[in-house]
Amino acid sequence: MAAYRADEEYDYLFKVTKSTIGVEFATRTIHVDGKLIKAQIWDAAGQDRYRAITSAYYKGYVGALIIYDLSRHITFENTTKWL
Protein backbone atom coordinates (compact mmCIF):
# COMPACT_ATOMS: atom_id res chain seq x y z
CA MET A 1 0.00 0.00 0.00
CA ALA A 2 1.29 3.45 -0.84
CA ALA A 3 2.23 5.67 2.07
CA TYR A 4 0.06 8.69 2.75
CA ARG A 5 1.07 11.79 4.67
CA ALA A 6 -1.74 14.05 5.86
CA ASP A 7 -1.41 17.67 4.82
CA GLU A 8 -1.77 20.48 7.35
CA GLU A 9 -5.52 20.78 6.74
CA TYR A 10 -6.04 17.30 8.21
CA ASP A 11 -3.00 17.19 10.46
CA TYR A 12 -4.67 19.44 13.04
CA LEU A 13 -6.11 16.44 14.91
CA PHE A 14 -2.62 15.36 15.85
CA LYS A 15 -1.59 18.81 17.06
CA VAL A 16 -4.46 19.34 19.51
CA THR A 17 -3.27 19.29 23.10
CA LYS A 18 -6.60 19.68 24.90
CA SER A 19 -8.81 16.71 25.76
CA THR A 20 -11.43 15.74 23.22
CA ILE A 21 -15.05 16.09 24.30
CA GLY A 22 -17.21 13.77 22.22
CA VAL A 23 -15.59 13.24 18.81
CA GLU A 24 -13.32 15.22 16.47
CA PHE A 25 -13.65 14.19 12.81
CA ALA A 26 -11.75 14.70 9.56
CA THR A 27 -12.17 13.05 6.17
CA ARG A 28 -10.03 12.88 3.06
CA THR A 29 -10.30 11.08 -0.28
CA ILE A 30 -6.94 9.69 -1.38
CA HIS A 31 -5.54 7.61 -4.22
CA VAL A 32 -3.87 4.37 -3.09
CA ASP A 33 -2.50 1.89 -5.62
CA GLY A 34 -4.78 3.26 -8.34
CA LYS A 35 -7.91 3.10 -6.17
CA LEU A 36 -9.89 5.92 -4.60
CA ILE A 37 -10.11 5.52 -0.81
CA LYS A 38 -12.24 7.60 1.55
CA ALA A 39 -10.18 7.87 4.73
CA GLN A 40 -11.74 9.10 7.95
CA ILE A 41 -10.04 10.06 11.20
CA TRP A 42 -12.22 9.91 14.29
CA ASP A 43 -10.62 11.23 17.46
CA ALA A 44 -12.90 9.84 20.15
CA ALA A 45 -12.68 11.00 23.74
CA GLY A 46 -10.75 8.45 25.79
CA GLN A 47 -12.36 9.16 29.13
CA ASP A 48 -14.74 6.51 30.49
CA ARG A 49 -17.55 9.04 30.90
CA TYR A 50 -17.72 9.45 27.09
CA ARG A 51 -17.67 5.73 26.24
CA ALA A 52 -21.44 5.51 25.58
CA ILE A 53 -21.24 8.45 23.19
CA THR A 54 -18.14 7.38 21.27
CA SER A 55 -19.06 3.69 20.91
CA ALA A 56 -21.92 4.68 18.60
CA TYR A 57 -19.36 5.94 16.06
CA TYR A 58 -17.65 2.56 15.70
CA LYS A 59 -20.58 0.71 14.08
CA GLY A 60 -19.67 -0.40 10.57
CA TYR A 61 -15.98 0.45 10.81
CA VAL A 62 -13.44 -1.49 8.73
CA GLY A 63 -10.37 -0.86 10.88
CA ALA A 64 -9.12 1.24 13.74
CA LEU A 65 -5.96 2.63 15.28
CA ILE A 66 -5.82 2.77 19.03
CA ILE A 67 -3.39 5.46 20.16
CA TYR A 68 -1.93 5.75 23.65
CA ASP A 69 0.57 7.90 25.53
CA LEU A 70 4.00 6.23 25.69
CA SER A 71 4.90 8.27 28.74
CA ARG A 72 1.92 6.93 30.73
CA HIS A 73 1.82 3.11 30.95
CA ILE A 74 -1.77 3.11 32.25
CA THR A 75 -2.92 4.43 28.87
CA PHE A 76 -1.46 1.31 27.23
CA GLU A 77 -3.21 -0.91 29.78
CA ASN A 78 -6.51 0.82 28.99
CA THR A 79 -6.29 0.09 25.25
CA THR A 80 -8.00 -3.28 25.77
CA LYS A 81 -11.17 -1.43 26.80
CA TRP A 82 -11.48 -0.17 23.23
CA LEU A 83 -11.18 -3.55 21.47
PDB file of N, CA and C in Angstrom:
ATOM      1  N   MET A   1       0.837  -1.172   0.000  1.00  0.00           N
ATOM      2  CA  MET A   1       0.000   0.000   0.000  1.00  0.00           C
ATOM      3  C   MET A   1       0.887   1.243   0.000  1.00  0.00           C
ATOM      4  N   ALA A   2       0.514   2.209  -0.768  1.00  0.00           N
ATOM      5  CA  ALA A   2       1.289   3.447  -0.837  1.00  0.00           C
ATOM      6  C   ALA A   2       1.165   4.229   0.462  1.00  0.00           C
ATOM      7  N   ALA A   3       2.238   4.865   0.842  1.00  0.00           N
ATOM      8  CA  ALA A   3       2.234   5.671   2.074  1.00  0.00           C
ATOM      9  C   ALA A   3       1.463   6.959   1.824  1.00  0.00           C
ATOM     10  N   TYR A   4       0.821   7.449   2.853  1.00  0.00           N
ATOM     11  CA  TYR A   4       0.060   8.693   2.749  1.00  0.00           C
ATOM     12  C   TYR A   4       0.418   9.595   3.920  1.00  0.00           C
ATOM     13  N   ARG A   5       0.760  10.814   3.628  1.00  0.00           N
ATOM     14  CA  ARG A   5       1.074  11.794   4.674  1.00  0.00           C
ATOM     15  C   ARG A   5      -0.002  12.873   4.653  1.00  0.00           C
ATOM     16  N   ALA A   6      -0.674  13.055   5.779  1.00  0.00           N
ATOM     17  CA  ALA A   6      -1.742  14.050   5.863  1.00  0.00           C
ATOM     18  C   ALA A   6      -1.169  15.447   5.699  1.00  0.00           C
ATOM     19  N   ASP A   7      -1.862  16.289   4.927  1.00  0.00           N
ATOM     20  CA  ASP A   7      -1.410  17.670   4.816  1.00  0.00           C
ATOM     21  C   ASP A   7      -1.885  18.448   6.043  1.00  0.00           C
ATOM     22  N   GLU A   8      -1.487  19.707   6.139  1.00  0.00           N
ATOM     23  CA  GLU A   8      -1.772  20.480   7.349  1.00  0.00           C
ATOM     24  C   GLU A   8      -3.261  20.639   7.612  1.00  0.00           C
ATOM     25  N   GLU A   9      -4.077  20.639   6.562  1.00  0.00           N
ATOM     26  CA  GLU A   9      -5.518  20.784   6.744  1.00  0.00           C
ATOM     27  C   GLU A   9      -6.088  19.654   7.597  1.00  0.00           C
ATOM     28  N   TYR A  10      -5.546  18.453   7.472  1.00  0.00           N
ATOM     29  CA  TYR A  10      -6.044  17.301   8.209  1.00  0.00           C
ATOM     30  C   TYR A  10      -5.124  16.901   9.358  1.00  0.00           C
ATOM     31  N   ASP A  11      -3.971  17.511   9.419  1.00  0.00           N
ATOM     32  CA  ASP A  11      -2.995  17.194  10.461  1.00  0.00           C
ATOM     33  C   ASP A  11      -3.355  17.836  11.799  1.00  0.00           C
ATOM     34  N   TYR A  12      -4.336  18.728  11.810  1.00  0.00           N
ATOM     35  CA  TYR A  12      -4.668  19.441  13.041  1.00  0.00           C
ATOM     36  C   TYR A  12      -5.082  18.504  14.162  1.00  0.00           C
ATOM     37  N   LEU A  13      -5.680  17.368  13.859  1.00  0.00           N
ATOM     38  CA  LEU A  13      -6.112  16.444  14.909  1.00  0.00           C
ATOM     39  C   LEU A  13      -4.945  15.959  15.749  1.00  0.00           C
ATOM     40  N   PHE A  14      -3.778  15.862  15.147  1.00  0.00           N
ATOM     41  CA  PHE A  14      -2.617  15.356  15.854  1.00  0.00           C
ATOM     42  C   PHE A  14      -1.869  16.446  16.617  1.00  0.00           C
ATOM     43  N   LYS A  15      -2.252  17.690  16.401  1.00  0.00           N
ATOM     44  CA  LYS A  15      -1.592  18.808  17.061  1.00  0.00           C
ATOM     45  C   LYS A  15      -2.395  19.348  18.240  1.00  0.00           C
ATOM     46  N   VAL A  16      -3.601  18.866  18.423  1.00  0.00           N
ATOM     47  CA  VAL A  16      -4.460  19.342  19.507  1.00  0.00           C
ATOM     48  C   VAL A  16      -3.927  18.822  20.829  1.00  0.00           C
ATOM     49  N   THR A  17      -3.800  19.705  21.808  1.00  0.00           N
ATOM     50  CA  THR A  17      -3.269  19.289  23.104  1.00  0.00           C
ATOM     51  C   THR A  17      -4.340  19.210  24.180  1.00  0.00           C
ATOM     52  N   LYS A  18      -5.519  19.761  23.911  1.00  0.00           N
ATOM     53  CA  LYS A  18      -6.596  19.679  24.899  1.00  0.00           C
ATOM     54  C   LYS A  18      -7.329  18.346  24.755  1.00  0.00           C
ATOM     55  N   SER A  19      -8.039  17.947  25.791  1.00  0.00           N
ATOM     56  CA  SER A  19      -8.807  16.707  25.759  1.00  0.00           C
ATOM     57  C   SER A  19      -9.984  16.846  24.806  1.00  0.00           C
ATOM     58  N   THR A  20     -10.280  15.765  24.107  1.00  0.00           N
ATOM     59  CA  THR A  20     -11.426  15.738  23.216  1.00  0.00           C
ATOM     60  C   THR A  20     -12.692  15.536  24.032  1.00  0.00           C
ATOM     61  N   ILE A  21     -13.732  16.291  23.705  1.00  0.00           N
ATOM     62  CA  ILE A  21     -15.050  16.089  24.301  1.00  0.00           C
ATOM     63  C   ILE A  21     -15.943  15.592  23.179  1.00  0.00           C
ATOM     64  N   GLY A  22     -16.426  14.359  23.298  1.00  0.00           N
ATOM     65  CA  GLY A  22     -17.209  13.766  22.223  1.00  0.00           C
ATOM     66  C   GLY A  22     -16.284  13.219  21.163  1.00  0.00           C
ATOM     67  N   VAL A  23     -16.378  13.755  19.923  1.00  0.00           N
ATOM     68  CA  VAL A  23     -15.589  13.236  18.809  1.00  0.00           C
ATOM     69  C   VAL A  23     -15.122  14.376  17.913  1.00  0.00           C
ATOM     70  N   GLU A  24     -13.856  14.344  17.518  1.00  0.00           N
ATOM     71  CA  GLU A  24     -13.322  15.215  16.467  1.00  0.00           C
ATOM     72  C   GLU A  24     -13.274  14.365  15.206  1.00  0.00           C
ATOM     73  N   PHE A  25     -13.529  14.965  14.040  1.00  0.00           N
ATOM     74  CA  PHE A  25     -13.653  14.187  12.815  1.00  0.00           C
ATOM     75  C   PHE A  25     -13.008  14.913  11.646  1.00  0.00           C
ATOM     76  N   ALA A  26     -12.306  14.166  10.806  1.00  0.00           N
ATOM     77  CA  ALA A  26     -11.755  14.697   9.557  1.00  0.00           C
ATOM     78  C   ALA A  26     -11.882  13.614   8.497  1.00  0.00           C
ATOM     79  N   THR A  27     -12.062  14.020   7.255  1.00  0.00           N
ATOM     80  CA  THR A  27     -12.173  13.052   6.165  1.00  0.00           C
ATOM     81  C   THR A  27     -11.324  13.521   4.989  1.00  0.00           C
ATOM     82  N   ARG A  28     -10.885  12.576   4.210  1.00  0.00           N
ATOM     83  CA  ARG A  28     -10.031  12.884   3.060  1.00  0.00           C
ATOM     84  C   ARG A  28     -10.162  11.752   2.049  1.00  0.00           C
ATOM     85  N   THR A  29     -10.299  12.075   0.782  1.00  0.00           N
ATOM     86  CA  THR A  29     -10.304  11.077  -0.278  1.00  0.00           C
ATOM     87  C   THR A  29      -8.903  11.039  -0.870  1.00  0.00           C
ATOM     88  N   ILE A  30      -8.317   9.847  -0.915  1.00  0.00           N
ATOM     89  CA  ILE A  30      -6.937   9.695  -1.378  1.00  0.00           C
ATOM     90  C   ILE A  30      -6.852   8.589  -2.423  1.00  0.00           C
ATOM     91  N   HIS A  31      -5.811   8.653  -3.241  1.00  0.00           N
ATOM     92  CA  HIS A  31      -5.540   7.607  -4.220  1.00  0.00           C
ATOM     93  C   HIS A  31      -4.486   6.666  -3.648  1.00  0.00           C
ATOM     94  N   VAL A  32      -4.797   5.376  -3.600  1.00  0.00           N
ATOM     95  CA  VAL A  32      -3.871   4.370  -3.094  1.00  0.00           C
ATOM     96  C   VAL A  32      -3.838   3.226  -4.092  1.00  0.00           C
ATOM     97  N   ASP A  33      -2.675   2.973  -4.658  1.00  0.00           N
ATOM     98  CA  ASP A  33      -2.500   1.890  -5.624  1.00  0.00           C
ATOM     99  C   ASP A  33      -3.559   1.921  -6.725  1.00  0.00           C
ATOM    100  N   GLY A  34      -3.834   3.113  -7.246  1.00  0.00           N
ATOM    101  CA  GLY A  34      -4.784   3.260  -8.335  1.00  0.00           C
ATOM    102  C   GLY A  34      -6.246   3.211  -7.926  1.00  0.00           C
ATOM    103  N   LYS A  35      -6.527   3.140  -6.652  1.00  0.00           N
ATOM    104  CA  LYS A  35      -7.908   3.102  -6.165  1.00  0.00           C
ATOM    105  C   LYS A  35      -8.200   4.360  -5.358  1.00  0.00           C
ATOM    106  N   LEU A  36      -9.456   4.769  -5.371  1.00  0.00           N
ATOM    107  CA  LEU A  36      -9.894   5.919  -4.602  1.00  0.00           C
ATOM    108  C   LEU A  36     -10.391   5.442  -3.243  1.00  0.00           C
ATOM    109  N   ILE A  37      -9.785   5.937  -2.177  1.00  0.00           N
ATOM    110  CA  ILE A  37     -10.111   5.517  -0.814  1.00  0.00           C
ATOM    111  C   ILE A  37     -10.619   6.724  -0.030  1.00  0.00           C
ATOM    112  N   LYS A  38     -11.743   6.554   0.660  1.00  0.00           N
ATOM    113  CA  LYS A  38     -12.238   7.605   1.547  1.00  0.00           C
ATOM    114  C   LYS A  38     -11.728   7.289   2.944  1.00  0.00           C
ATOM    115  N   ALA A  39     -10.769   8.070   3.402  1.00  0.00           N
ATOM    116  CA  ALA A  39     -10.175   7.869   4.728  1.00  0.00           C
ATOM    117  C   ALA A  39     -10.849   8.812   5.717  1.00  0.00           C
ATOM    118  N   GLN A  40     -11.134   8.293   6.892  1.00  0.00           N
ATOM    119  CA  GLN A  40     -11.738   9.098   7.945  1.00  0.00           C
ATOM    120  C   GLN A  40     -10.907   8.962   9.210  1.00  0.00           C
ATOM    121  N   ILE A  41     -10.727  10.070   9.907  1.00  0.00           N
ATOM    122  CA  ILE A  41     -10.040  10.060  11.198  1.00  0.00           C
ATOM    123  C   ILE A  41     -11.058  10.497  12.240  1.00  0.00           C
ATOM    124  N   TRP A  42     -11.300   9.621  13.194  1.00  0.00           N
ATOM    125  CA  TRP A  42     -12.220   9.911  14.295  1.00  0.00           C
ATOM    126  C   TRP A  42     -11.391   9.949  15.565  1.00  0.00           C
ATOM    127  N   ASP A  43     -11.320  11.092  16.186  1.00  0.00           N
ATOM    128  CA  ASP A  43     -10.618  11.233  17.459  1.00  0.00           C
ATOM    129  C   ASP A  43     -11.672  11.195  18.555  1.00  0.00           C
ATOM    130  N   ALA A  44     -11.875  10.015  19.122  1.00  0.00           N
ATOM    131  CA  ALA A  44     -12.902   9.839  20.151  1.00  0.00           C
ATOM    132  C   ALA A  44     -12.314  10.128  21.525  1.00  0.00           C
ATOM    133  N   ALA A  45     -13.122  10.714  22.373  1.00  0.00           N
ATOM    134  CA  ALA A  45     -12.682  10.996  23.740  1.00  0.00           C
ATOM    135  C   ALA A  45     -12.326   9.692  24.432  1.00  0.00           C
ATOM    136  N   GLY A  46     -11.208   9.664  25.130  1.00  0.00           N
ATOM    137  CA  GLY A  46     -10.746   8.450  25.786  1.00  0.00           C
ATOM    138  C   GLY A  46     -11.251   8.263  27.201  1.00  0.00           C
ATOM    139  N   GLN A  47     -11.891   9.274  27.754  1.00  0.00           N
ATOM    140  CA  GLN A  47     -12.362   9.164  29.130  1.00  0.00           C
ATOM    141  C   GLN A  47     -13.562   8.222  29.207  1.00  0.00           C
ATOM    142  N   ASP A  48     -13.647   7.464  30.302  1.00  0.00           N
ATOM    143  CA  ASP A  48     -14.739   6.512  30.490  1.00  0.00           C
ATOM    144  C   ASP A  48     -16.112   7.172  30.414  1.00  0.00           C
ATOM    145  N   ARG A  49     -16.232   8.399  30.873  1.00  0.00           N
ATOM    146  CA  ARG A  49     -17.547   9.044  30.897  1.00  0.00           C
ATOM    147  C   ARG A  49     -18.109   9.293  29.501  1.00  0.00           C
ATOM    148  N   TYR A  50     -17.258   9.249  28.465  1.00  0.00           N
ATOM    149  CA  TYR A  50     -17.719   9.452  27.094  1.00  0.00           C
ATOM    150  C   TYR A  50     -17.878   8.143  26.320  1.00  0.00           C
ATOM    151  N   ARG A  51     -17.643   7.010  26.942  1.00  0.00           N
ATOM    152  CA  ARG A  51     -17.667   5.725  26.241  1.00  0.00           C
ATOM    153  C   ARG A  51     -19.004   5.467  25.543  1.00  0.00           C
ATOM    154  N   ALA A  52     -20.124   5.751  26.189  1.00  0.00           N
ATOM    155  CA  ALA A  52     -21.435   5.513  25.584  1.00  0.00           C
ATOM    156  C   ALA A  52     -21.633   6.359  24.327  1.00  0.00           C
ATOM    157  N   ILE A  53     -21.107   7.564  24.349  1.00  0.00           N
ATOM    158  CA  ILE A  53     -21.237   8.450  23.194  1.00  0.00           C
ATOM    159  C   ILE A  53     -20.360   7.967  22.046  1.00  0.00           C
ATOM    160  N   THR A  54     -19.097   7.697  22.331  1.00  0.00           N
ATOM    161  CA  THR A  54     -18.144   7.376  21.268  1.00  0.00           C
ATOM    162  C   THR A  54     -18.350   5.990  20.682  1.00  0.00           C
ATOM    163  N   SER A  55     -18.875   5.041  21.439  1.00  0.00           N
ATOM    164  CA  SER A  55     -19.056   3.687  20.907  1.00  0.00           C
ATOM    165  C   SER A  55     -20.045   3.664  19.746  1.00  0.00           C
ATOM    166  N   ALA A  56     -20.960   4.608  19.695  1.00  0.00           N
ATOM    167  CA  ALA A  56     -21.921   4.680  18.598  1.00  0.00           C
ATOM    168  C   ALA A  56     -21.228   4.969  17.265  1.00  0.00           C
ATOM    169  N   TYR A  57     -20.075   5.594  17.288  1.00  0.00           N
ATOM    170  CA  TYR A  57     -19.363   5.940  16.065  1.00  0.00           C
ATOM    171  C   TYR A  57     -18.619   4.756  15.454  1.00  0.00           C
ATOM    172  N   TYR A  58     -18.446   3.675  16.181  1.00  0.00           N
ATOM    173  CA  TYR A  58     -17.653   2.555  15.700  1.00  0.00           C
ATOM    174  C   TYR A  58     -18.443   1.560  14.873  1.00  0.00           C
ATOM    175  N   LYS A  59     -19.759   1.662  14.833  1.00  0.00           N
ATOM    176  CA  LYS A  59     -20.576   0.710  14.077  1.00  0.00           C
ATOM    177  C   LYS A  59     -20.231   0.791  12.600  1.00  0.00           C
ATOM    178  N   GLY A  60     -19.966  -0.342  11.985  1.00  0.00           N
ATOM    179  CA  GLY A  60     -19.672  -0.404  10.566  1.00  0.00           C
ATOM    180  C   GLY A  60     -18.247  -0.044  10.186  1.00  0.00           C
ATOM    181  N   TYR A  61     -17.358   0.089  11.142  1.00  0.00           N
ATOM    182  CA  TYR A  61     -15.980   0.447  10.806  1.00  0.00           C
ATOM    183  C   TYR A  61     -15.252  -0.746  10.180  1.00  0.00           C
ATOM    184  N   VAL A  62     -14.246  -0.468   9.385  1.00  0.00           N
ATOM    185  CA  VAL A  62     -13.440  -1.493   8.730  1.00  0.00           C
ATOM    186  C   VAL A  62     -12.162  -1.745   9.509  1.00  0.00           C
ATOM    187  N   GLY A  63     -11.609  -0.726  10.118  1.00  0.00           N
ATOM    188  CA  GLY A  63     -10.372  -0.856  10.881  1.00  0.00           C
ATOM    189  C   GLY A  63     -10.256   0.296  11.856  1.00  0.00           C
ATOM    190  N   ALA A  64      -9.301   0.188  12.741  1.00  0.00           N
ATOM    191  CA  ALA A  64      -9.121   1.239  13.736  1.00  0.00           C
ATOM    192  C   ALA A  64      -7.674   1.282  14.193  1.00  0.00           C
ATOM    193  N   LEU A  65      -7.246   2.449  14.614  1.00  0.00           N
ATOM    194  CA  LEU A  65      -5.961   2.634  15.277  1.00  0.00           C
ATOM    195  C   LEU A  65      -6.255   3.053  16.702  1.00  0.00           C
ATOM    196  N   ILE A  66      -5.661   2.386  17.635  1.00  0.00           N
ATOM    197  CA  ILE A  66      -5.817   2.768  19.031  1.00  0.00           C
ATOM    198  C   ILE A  66      -4.509   3.411  19.460  1.00  0.00           C
ATOM    199  N   ILE A  67      -4.578   4.667  19.841  1.00  0.00           N
ATOM    200  CA  ILE A  67      -3.394   5.456  20.163  1.00  0.00           C
ATOM    201  C   ILE A  67      -3.317   5.642  21.672  1.00  0.00           C
ATOM    202  N   TYR A  68      -2.112   5.548  22.214  1.00  0.00           N
ATOM    203  CA  TYR A  68      -1.931   5.745  23.649  1.00  0.00           C
ATOM    204  C   TYR A  68      -0.676   6.562  23.905  1.00  0.00           C
ATOM    205  N   ASP A  69      -0.534   7.041  25.125  1.00  0.00           N
ATOM    206  CA  ASP A  69       0.572   7.905  25.535  1.00  0.00           C
ATOM    207  C   ASP A  69       1.734   7.041  26.027  1.00  0.00           C
ATOM    208  N   LEU A  70       2.842   7.032  25.302  1.00  0.00           N
ATOM    209  CA  LEU A  70       4.005   6.225  25.686  1.00  0.00           C
ATOM    210  C   LEU A  70       4.575   6.607  27.045  1.00  0.00           C
ATOM    211  N   SER A  71       4.352   7.827  27.457  1.00  0.00           N
ATOM    212  CA  SER A  71       4.905   8.271  28.738  1.00  0.00           C
ATOM    213  C   SER A  71       4.023   7.889  29.926  1.00  0.00           C
ATOM    214  N   ARG A  72       2.835   7.329  29.654  1.00  0.00           N
ATOM    215  CA  ARG A  72       1.919   6.928  30.730  1.00  0.00           C
ATOM    216  C   ARG A  72       1.475   5.488  30.488  1.00  0.00           C
ATOM    217  N   HIS A  73       2.083   4.529  31.175  1.00  0.00           N
ATOM    218  CA  HIS A  73       1.818   3.105  30.953  1.00  0.00           C
ATOM    219  C   HIS A  73       0.343   2.746  31.132  1.00  0.00           C
ATOM    220  N   ILE A  74      -0.351   3.406  32.022  1.00  0.00           N
ATOM    221  CA  ILE A  74      -1.767   3.107  32.253  1.00  0.00           C
ATOM    222  C   ILE A  74      -2.591   3.303  30.979  1.00  0.00           C
ATOM    223  N   THR A  75      -2.178   4.227  30.117  1.00  0.00           N
ATOM    224  CA  THR A  75      -2.923   4.430  28.872  1.00  0.00           C
ATOM    225  C   THR A  75      -2.784   3.219  27.964  1.00  0.00           C
ATOM    226  N   PHE A  76      -1.629   2.551  27.986  1.00  0.00           N
ATOM    227  CA  PHE A  76      -1.464   1.307  27.234  1.00  0.00           C
ATOM    228  C   PHE A  76      -2.352   0.217  27.820  1.00  0.00           C
ATOM    229  N   GLU A  77      -2.380   0.104  29.134  1.00  0.00           N
ATOM    230  CA  GLU A  77      -3.214  -0.908  29.783  1.00  0.00           C
ATOM    231  C   GLU A  77      -4.696  -0.706  29.460  1.00  0.00           C
ATOM    232  N   ASN A  78      -5.105   0.520  29.281  1.00  0.00           N
ATOM    233  CA  ASN A  78      -6.507   0.815  28.988  1.00  0.00           C
ATOM    234  C   ASN A  78      -6.899   0.576  27.536  1.00  0.00           C
ATOM    235  N   THR A  79      -5.943   0.303  26.653  1.00  0.00           N
ATOM    236  CA  THR A  79      -6.291   0.089  25.248  1.00  0.00           C
ATOM    237  C   THR A  79      -7.212  -1.109  25.057  1.00  0.00           C
ATOM    238  N   THR A  80      -7.130  -2.108  25.919  1.00  0.00           N
ATOM    239  CA  THR A  80      -7.998  -3.284  25.770  1.00  0.00           C
ATOM    240  C   THR A  80      -9.471  -2.932  25.949  1.00  0.00           C
ATOM    241  N   LYS A  81      -9.776  -1.859  26.632  1.00  0.00           N
ATOM    242  CA  LYS A  81     -11.166  -1.428  26.797  1.00  0.00           C
ATOM    243  C   LYS A  81     -11.804  -1.034  25.469  1.00  0.00           C
ATOM    244  N   TRP A  82     -10.964  -0.673  24.500  1.00  0.00           N
ATOM    245  CA  TRP A  82     -11.476  -0.172  23.229  1.00  0.00           C
ATOM    246  C   TRP A  82     -11.563  -1.249  22.158  1.00  0.00           C
ATOM    247  N   LEU A  83     -11.134  -2.463  22.462  1.00  0.00           N
ATOM    248  CA  LEU A  83     -11.181  -3.545  21.471  1.00  0.00           C
ATOM    249  C   LEU A  83     -12.529  -4.216  21.433  1.00  0.00           C
TER     250      LEU A  83
END
